[in-house]
Amino acid sequence: MPDELMVRPRRADDLPALADVLAAQQPHTGYPQRWPLPWPVESFLARAGELGAWVAELEGRLVGHVSATEVGDGVEVAGWAAGAGRPAPELAAVSVLFVDHTLAGRGVGSALLRTAVEHIRSLRRTPVLDVVQETTAAVRLYERRGWKTVGEARPAWLPDDLRPVLLMVLPDDAPA
């Protein structure tokens, strides 16, 4: 991780710059899968049910984002709850994790993920997430960090030409 990287809570005035980072990285990562979004990018970034949101800043420039959210009532919830062995109110999802594509492999995503996981655990919840199977680099990143696949789901936002998303849980004994 670059020494000068800072992870801090997201502020409302960060949203326009984050929207630019998201748009610039999308052609390289395919995230989000639906692009352009059919609603304002800012509402994709800042969501109802957020338990926390953070940005990565490098040399005064925003280079990444992650949030932790309530799991809601989507098709993923039953799989997460069964896989974690905990009810939905005791889970929290890592969400909207992305990094400036020019910094891939430099530890920015890991720093953001660690921040979200630590926050979720501080709330005494189990971290969960979903990941598109075709993004094999992301799947491998999560697996290397101890995340376990507990099922699959097909959320409404997933394009028909993609396989179901993997539902992943970070066991309580796995490092952040």
C-alpha atoms as a PDB file:
ATOM      1  CA  MET A   1       0.000   0.000   0.000  1.00  0.00           C
ATOM      2  CA  PRO A   2       1.359   3.446  -0.834  1.00  0.00           C
ATOM      3  CA  ASP A   3       2.645   5.192   2.325  1.00  0.00           C
ATOM      4  CA  GLU A   4       0.694   8.348   1.577  1.00  0.00           C
ATOM      5  CA  LEU A   5      -2.656   6.534   1.229  1.00  0.00           C
ATOM      6  CA  MET A   6      -5.309   7.735   3.661  1.00  0.00           C
ATOM      7  CA  VAL A   7      -8.647   6.016   4.261  1.00  0.00           C
ATOM      8  CA  ARG A   8     -11.205   8.330   5.830  1.00  0.00           C
ATOM      9  CA  PRO A   9     -14.983   8.599   6.200  1.00  0.00           C
ATOM     10  CA  ARG A  10     -16.780   9.709   3.036  1.00  0.00           C
ATOM     11  CA  ARG A  11     -18.235  13.220   3.007  1.00  0.00           C
ATOM     12  CA  ALA A  12     -21.098  14.493   0.883  1.00  0.00           C
ATOM     13  CA  ASP A  13     -18.733  16.741  -1.060  1.00  0.00           C
ATOM     14  CA  ASP A  14     -16.713  13.649  -2.128  1.00  0.00           C
ATOM     15  CA  LEU A  15     -19.549  12.295  -4.287  1.00  0.00           C
ATOM     16  CA  PRO A  16     -18.822  14.189  -7.552  1.00  0.00           C
ATOM     17  CA  ALA A  17     -15.144  13.153  -7.568  1.00  0.00           C
ATOM     18  CA  LEU A  18     -16.076   9.566  -6.664  1.00  0.00           C
ATOM     19  CA  ALA A  19     -18.558   9.519  -9.545  1.00  0.00           C
ATOM     20  CA  ASP A  20     -15.678  10.440 -11.871  1.00  0.00           C
ATOM     21  CA  VAL A  21     -13.449   7.672 -10.464  1.00  0.00           C
ATOM     22  CA  LEU A  22     -16.267   5.143 -10.808  1.00  0.00           C
ATOM     23  CA  ALA A  23     -16.915   6.169 -14.419  1.00  0.00           C
ATOM     24  CA  ALA A  24     -13.217   6.030 -15.329  1.00  0.00           C
ATOM     25  CA  GLN A  25     -12.665   2.564 -13.870  1.00  0.00           C
ATOM     26  CA  GLN A  26     -15.887   0.994 -15.211  1.00  0.00           C
ATOM     27  CA  PRO A  27     -14.610   0.147 -18.735  1.00  0.00           C
ATOM     28  CA  HIS A  28     -11.611  -1.620 -17.170  1.00  0.00           C
ATOM     29  CA  THR A  29     -13.389  -3.576 -14.427  1.00  0.00           C
ATOM     30  CA  GLY A  30     -16.978  -3.901 -15.620  1.00  0.00           C
ATOM     31  CA  TYR A  31     -18.203  -2.531 -12.278  1.00  0.00           C
ATOM     32  CA  PRO A  32     -20.971  -1.691 -11.991  1.00  0.00           C
ATOM     33  CA  GLN A  33     -22.297  -4.179 -14.528  1.00  0.00           C
ATOM     34  CA  ARG A  34     -25.117  -1.866 -15.580  1.00  0.00           C
ATOM     35  CA  TRP A  35     -23.535   1.170 -17.237  1.00  0.00           C
ATOM     36  CA  PRO A  36     -24.491   3.862 -17.684  1.00  0.00           C
ATOM     37  CA  LEU A  37     -26.612   3.693 -14.576  1.00  0.00           C
ATOM     38  CA  PRO A  38     -30.322   4.439 -15.040  1.00  0.00           C
ATOM     39  CA  TRP A  39     -30.219   6.805 -12.034  1.00  0.00           C
ATOM     40  CA  PRO A  40     -27.748   9.412 -10.734  1.00  0.00           C
ATOM     41  CA  VAL A  41     -24.341   7.927  -9.895  1.00  0.00           C
ATOM     42  CA  GLU A  42     -24.405   9.730  -6.551  1.00  0.00           C
ATOM     43  CA  SER A  43     -27.408   7.624  -5.468  1.00  0.00           C
ATOM     44  CA  PHE A  44     -25.456   4.472  -6.394  1.00  0.00           C
ATOM     45  CA  LEU A  45     -22.588   5.630  -4.196  1.00  0.00           C
ATOM     46  CA  ALA A  46     -24.577   6.857  -1.170  1.00  0.00           C
ATOM     47  CA  ARG A  47     -27.302   4.349  -0.336  1.00  0.00           C
ATOM     48  CA  ALA A  48     -30.083   3.979   2.159  1.00  0.00           C
ATOM     49  CA  GLY A  49     -29.119   1.642   4.962  1.00  0.00           C
ATOM     50  CA  GLU A  50     -25.465   2.640   5.070  1.00  0.00           C
ATOM     51  CA  LEU A  51     -23.686   1.802   8.301  1.00  0.00           C
ATOM     52  CA  GLY A  52     -20.555   3.625   7.161  1.00  0.00           C
ATOM     53  CA  ALA A  53     -18.730   4.714   4.008  1.00  0.00           C
ATOM     54  CA  TRP A  54     -15.060   5.467   3.366  1.00  0.00           C
ATOM     55  CA  VAL A  55     -12.831   6.848   0.664  1.00  0.00           C
ATOM     56  CA  ALA A  56      -9.197   6.270  -0.168  1.00  0.00           C
ATOM     57  CA  GLU A  57      -7.230   9.437  -0.781  1.00  0.00           C
ATOM     58  CA  LEU A  58      -3.772   9.496  -2.330  1.00  0.00           C
ATOM     59  CA  GLU A  59      -1.829  12.740  -2.597  1.00  0.00           C
ATOM     60  CA  GLY A  60      -5.056  14.716  -2.112  1.00  0.00           C
ATOM     61  CA  ARG A  61      -6.931  12.798  -4.827  1.00  0.00           C
ATOM     62  CA  LEU A  62      -9.819  10.386  -4.254  1.00  0.00           C
ATOM     63  CA  VAL A  63      -8.874   6.952  -5.591  1.00  0.00           C
ATOM     64  CA  GLY A  64     -11.411   4.531  -4.121  1.00  0.00           C
ATOM     65  CA  HIS A  65     -14.550   3.896  -2.129  1.00  0.00           C
ATOM     66  CA  VAL A  66     -16.304   1.291   0.010  1.00  0.00           C
ATOM     67  CA  SER A  67     -19.378   1.205   2.214  1.00  0.00           C
ATOM     68  CA  ALA A  68     -20.983  -1.107   4.741  1.00  0.00           C
ATOM     69  CA  THR A  69     -24.742  -1.480   4.515  1.00  0.00           C
ATOM     70  CA  GLU A  70     -27.678  -3.243   6.074  1.00  0.00           C
ATOM     71  CA  VAL A  71     -28.428  -6.383   4.056  1.00  0.00           C
ATOM     72  CA  GLY A  72     -32.050  -5.396   3.380  1.00  0.00           C
ATOM     73  CA  ASP A  73     -34.407  -7.970   1.952  1.00  0.00           C
ATOM     74  CA  GLY A  74     -32.875  -8.929  -1.412  1.00  0.00           C
ATOM     75  CA  VAL A  75     -32.570 -12.414  -2.847  1.00  0.00           C
ATOM     76  CA  GLU A  76     -29.086 -12.675  -1.351  1.00  0.00           C
ATOM     77  CA  VAL A  77     -30.162 -12.465   2.290  1.00  0.00           C
ATOM     78  CA  ALA A  78     -31.338 -16.053   2.846  1.00  0.00           C
ATOM     79  CA  GLY A  79     -28.083 -17.432   1.428  1.00  0.00           C
ATOM     80  CA  TRP A  80     -25.951 -15.128   3.540  1.00  0.00           C
ATOM     81  CA  ALA A  81     -27.930 -15.875   6.701  1.00  0.00           C
ATOM     82  CA  ALA A  82     -27.709 -19.632   6.148  1.00  0.00           C
ATOM     83  CA  GLY A  83     -24.016 -19.455   5.275  1.00  0.00           C
ATOM     84  CA  ALA A  84     -23.161 -17.266   8.263  1.00  0.00           C
ATOM     85  CA  GLY A  85     -25.454 -19.081  10.662  1.00  0.00           C
ATOM     86  CA  ARG A  86     -26.822 -15.725  11.791  1.00  0.00           C
ATOM     87  CA  PRO A  87     -30.056 -13.825  11.109  1.00  0.00           C
ATOM     88  CA  ALA A  88     -30.078 -10.910   8.666  1.00  0.00           C
ATOM     89  CA  PRO A  89     -29.982  -8.181  11.378  1.00  0.00           C
ATOM     90  CA  GLU A  90     -26.619  -9.600  12.502  1.00  0.00           C
ATOM     91  CA  LEU A  91     -25.078  -9.266   9.021  1.00  0.00           C
ATOM     92  CA  ALA A  92     -23.709  -6.260   7.142  1.00  0.00           C
ATOM     93  CA  ALA A  93     -22.689  -6.084   3.497  1.00  0.00           C
ATOM     94  CA  VAL A  94     -19.470  -4.715   2.060  1.00  0.00           C
ATOM     95  CA  SER A  95     -20.763  -2.612  -0.805  1.00  0.00           C
ATOM     96  CA  VAL A  96     -19.684  -0.265  -3.605  1.00  0.00           C
ATOM     97  CA  LEU A  97     -15.999  -1.188  -3.409  1.00  0.00           C
ATOM     98  CA  PHE A  98     -13.999   0.234  -6.299  1.00  0.00           C
ATOM     99  CA  VAL A  99     -10.548   1.664  -6.928  1.00  0.00           C
ATOM    100  CA  ASP A 100      -9.010   3.865  -9.595  1.00  0.00           C
ATOM    101  CA  HIS A 101      -8.004   1.288 -12.215  1.00  0.00           C
ATOM    102  CA  THR A 102      -4.531   2.813 -12.610  1.00  0.00           C
ATOM    103  CA  LEU A 103      -3.774   1.788  -8.997  1.00  0.00           C
ATOM    104  CA  ALA A 104      -4.840  -1.852  -9.251  1.00  0.00           C
ATOM    105  CA  GLY A 105      -2.630  -4.152  -7.203  1.00  0.00           C
ATOM    106  CA  ARG A 106      -1.227  -1.383  -4.994  1.00  0.00           C
ATOM    107  CA  GLY A 107      -3.204  -2.233  -1.835  1.00  0.00           C
ATOM    108  CA  VAL A 108      -5.867   0.470  -2.088  1.00  0.00           C
ATOM    109  CA  GLY A 109      -8.740  -2.010  -2.353  1.00  0.00           C
ATOM    110  CA  SER A 110      -7.312  -4.083   0.499  1.00  0.00           C
ATOM    111  CA  ALA A 111      -7.130  -1.022   2.749  1.00  0.00           C
ATOM    112  CA  LEU A 112     -10.728  -0.105   1.963  1.00  0.00           C
ATOM    113  CA  LEU A 113     -11.950  -3.679   2.457  1.00  0.00           C
ATOM    114  CA  ARG A 114     -10.133  -3.944   5.796  1.00  0.00           C
ATOM    115  CA  THR A 115     -11.722  -0.673   6.966  1.00  0.00           C
ATOM    116  CA  ALA A 116     -15.238  -1.858   6.099  1.00  0.00           C
ATOM    117  CA  VAL A 117     -14.716  -5.279   7.701  1.00  0.00           C
ATOM    118  CA  GLU A 118     -13.316  -3.773  10.891  1.00  0.00           C
ATOM    119  CA  HIS A 119     -16.313  -1.446  11.130  1.00  0.00           C
ATOM    120  CA  ILE A 120     -18.793  -4.268  10.528  1.00  0.00           C
ATOM    121  CA  ARG A 121     -17.121  -6.359  13.210  1.00  0.00           C
ATOM    122  CA  SER A 122     -17.129  -3.408  15.617  1.00  0.00           C
ATOM    123  CA  LEU A 123     -20.932  -3.514  15.262  1.00  0.00           C
ATOM    124  CA  ARG A 124     -20.795  -7.236  16.208  1.00  0.00           C
ATOM    125  CA  ARG A 125     -22.049  -8.240  12.774  1.00  0.00           C
ATOM    126  CA  THR A 126     -20.728 -10.721  10.235  1.00  0.00           C
ATOM    127  CA  PRO A 127     -19.395  -9.267   6.965  1.00  0.00           C
ATOM    128  CA  VAL A 128     -21.035 -10.500   3.758  1.00  0.00           C
ATOM    129  CA  LEU A 129     -20.825  -9.525   0.104  1.00  0.00           C
ATOM    130  CA  ASP A 130     -21.829 -10.592  -3.363  1.00  0.00           C
ATOM    131  CA  VAL A 131     -19.466 -10.711  -6.301  1.00  0.00           C
ATOM    132  CA  VAL A 132     -20.004 -11.314  -9.988  1.00  0.00           C
ATOM    133  CA  GLN A 133     -18.418 -14.666 -10.848  1.00  0.00           C
ATOM    134  CA  GLU A 134     -16.950 -13.342 -14.082  1.00  0.00           C
ATOM    135  CA  THR A 135     -14.790 -10.873 -12.126  1.00  0.00           C
ATOM    136  CA  THR A 136     -12.330 -13.609 -11.283  1.00  0.00           C
ATOM    137  CA  ALA A 137      -9.688 -11.221  -9.906  1.00  0.00           C
ATOM    138  CA  ALA A 138     -12.182  -9.929  -7.328  1.00  0.00           C
ATOM    139  CA  VAL A 139     -13.311 -13.449  -6.428  1.00  0.00           C
ATOM    140  CA  ARG A 140      -9.689 -14.521  -5.902  1.00  0.00           C
ATOM    141  CA  LEU A 141      -8.955 -11.406  -3.833  1.00  0.00           C
ATOM    142  CA  TYR A 142     -11.812 -12.224  -1.453  1.00  0.00           C
ATOM    143  CA  GLU A 143     -10.887 -15.901  -1.249  1.00  0.00           C
ATOM    144  CA  ARG A 144      -7.255 -15.041  -0.392  1.00  0.00           C
ATOM    145  CA  ARG A 145      -8.557 -12.922   2.463  1.00  0.00           C
ATOM    146  CA  GLY A 146     -10.599 -15.761   3.942  1.00  0.00           C
ATOM    147  CA  TRP A 147     -14.044 -15.099   2.459  1.00  0.00           C
ATOM    148  CA  LYS A 148     -16.083 -18.270   1.897  1.00  0.00           C
ATOM    149  CA  THR A 149     -18.628 -18.806  -0.873  1.00  0.00           C
ATOM    150  CA  VAL A 150     -21.916 -19.885   0.722  1.00  0.00           C
ATOM    151  CA  GLY A 151     -24.251 -19.800  -2.276  1.00  0.00           C
ATOM    152  CA  GLU A 152     -25.366 -18.060  -5.439  1.00  0.00           C
ATOM    153  CA  ALA A 153     -28.168 -15.634  -6.276  1.00  0.00           C
ATOM    154  CA  ARG A 154     -29.556 -13.780  -9.260  1.00  0.00           C
ATOM    155  CA  PRO A 155     -30.381 -10.209  -8.154  1.00  0.00           C
ATOM    156  CA  ALA A 156     -32.588  -8.099 -10.418  1.00  0.00           C
ATOM    157  CA  TRP A 157     -29.655  -5.839 -11.380  1.00  0.00           C
ATOM    158  CA  LEU A 158     -27.586  -8.727 -12.788  1.00  0.00           C
ATOM    159  CA  PRO A 159     -27.538  -8.870 -16.604  1.00  0.00           C
ATOM    160  CA  ASP A 160     -29.013 -12.077 -18.053  1.00  0.00           C
ATOM    161  CA  ASP A 161     -25.773 -13.008 -19.819  1.00  0.00           C
ATOM    162  CA  LEU A 162     -23.849 -13.324 -16.523  1.00  0.00           C
ATOM    163  CA  ARG A 163     -23.826 -16.285 -14.158  1.00  0.00           C
ATOM    164  CA  PRO A 164     -25.428 -15.816 -10.729  1.00  0.00           C
ATOM    165  CA  VAL A 165     -23.431 -13.769  -8.229  1.00  0.00           C
ATOM    166  CA  LEU A 166     -21.455 -15.587  -5.574  1.00  0.00           C
ATOM    167  CA  LEU A 167     -22.622 -14.985  -2.014  1.00  0.00           C
ATOM    168  CA  MET A 168     -19.650 -14.730   0.328  1.00  0.00           C
ATOM    169  CA  VAL A 169     -19.261 -14.569   4.098  1.00  0.00           C
ATOM    170  CA  LEU A 170     -16.152 -13.675   6.100  1.00  0.00           C
ATOM    171  CA  PRO A 171     -15.977 -16.124   9.017  1.00  0.00           C
ATOM    172  CA  ASP A 172     -15.508 -14.623  12.459  1.00  0.00           C
ATOM    173  CA  ASP A 173     -12.059 -16.202  12.817  1.00  0.00           C
ATOM    174  CA  ALA A 174     -10.730 -14.801   9.515  1.00  0.00           C
ATOM    175  CA  PRO A 175      -8.489 -11.721   9.694  1.00  0.00           C
ATOM    176  CA  ALA A 176      -9.932  -8.387   8.591  1.00  0.00           C
END
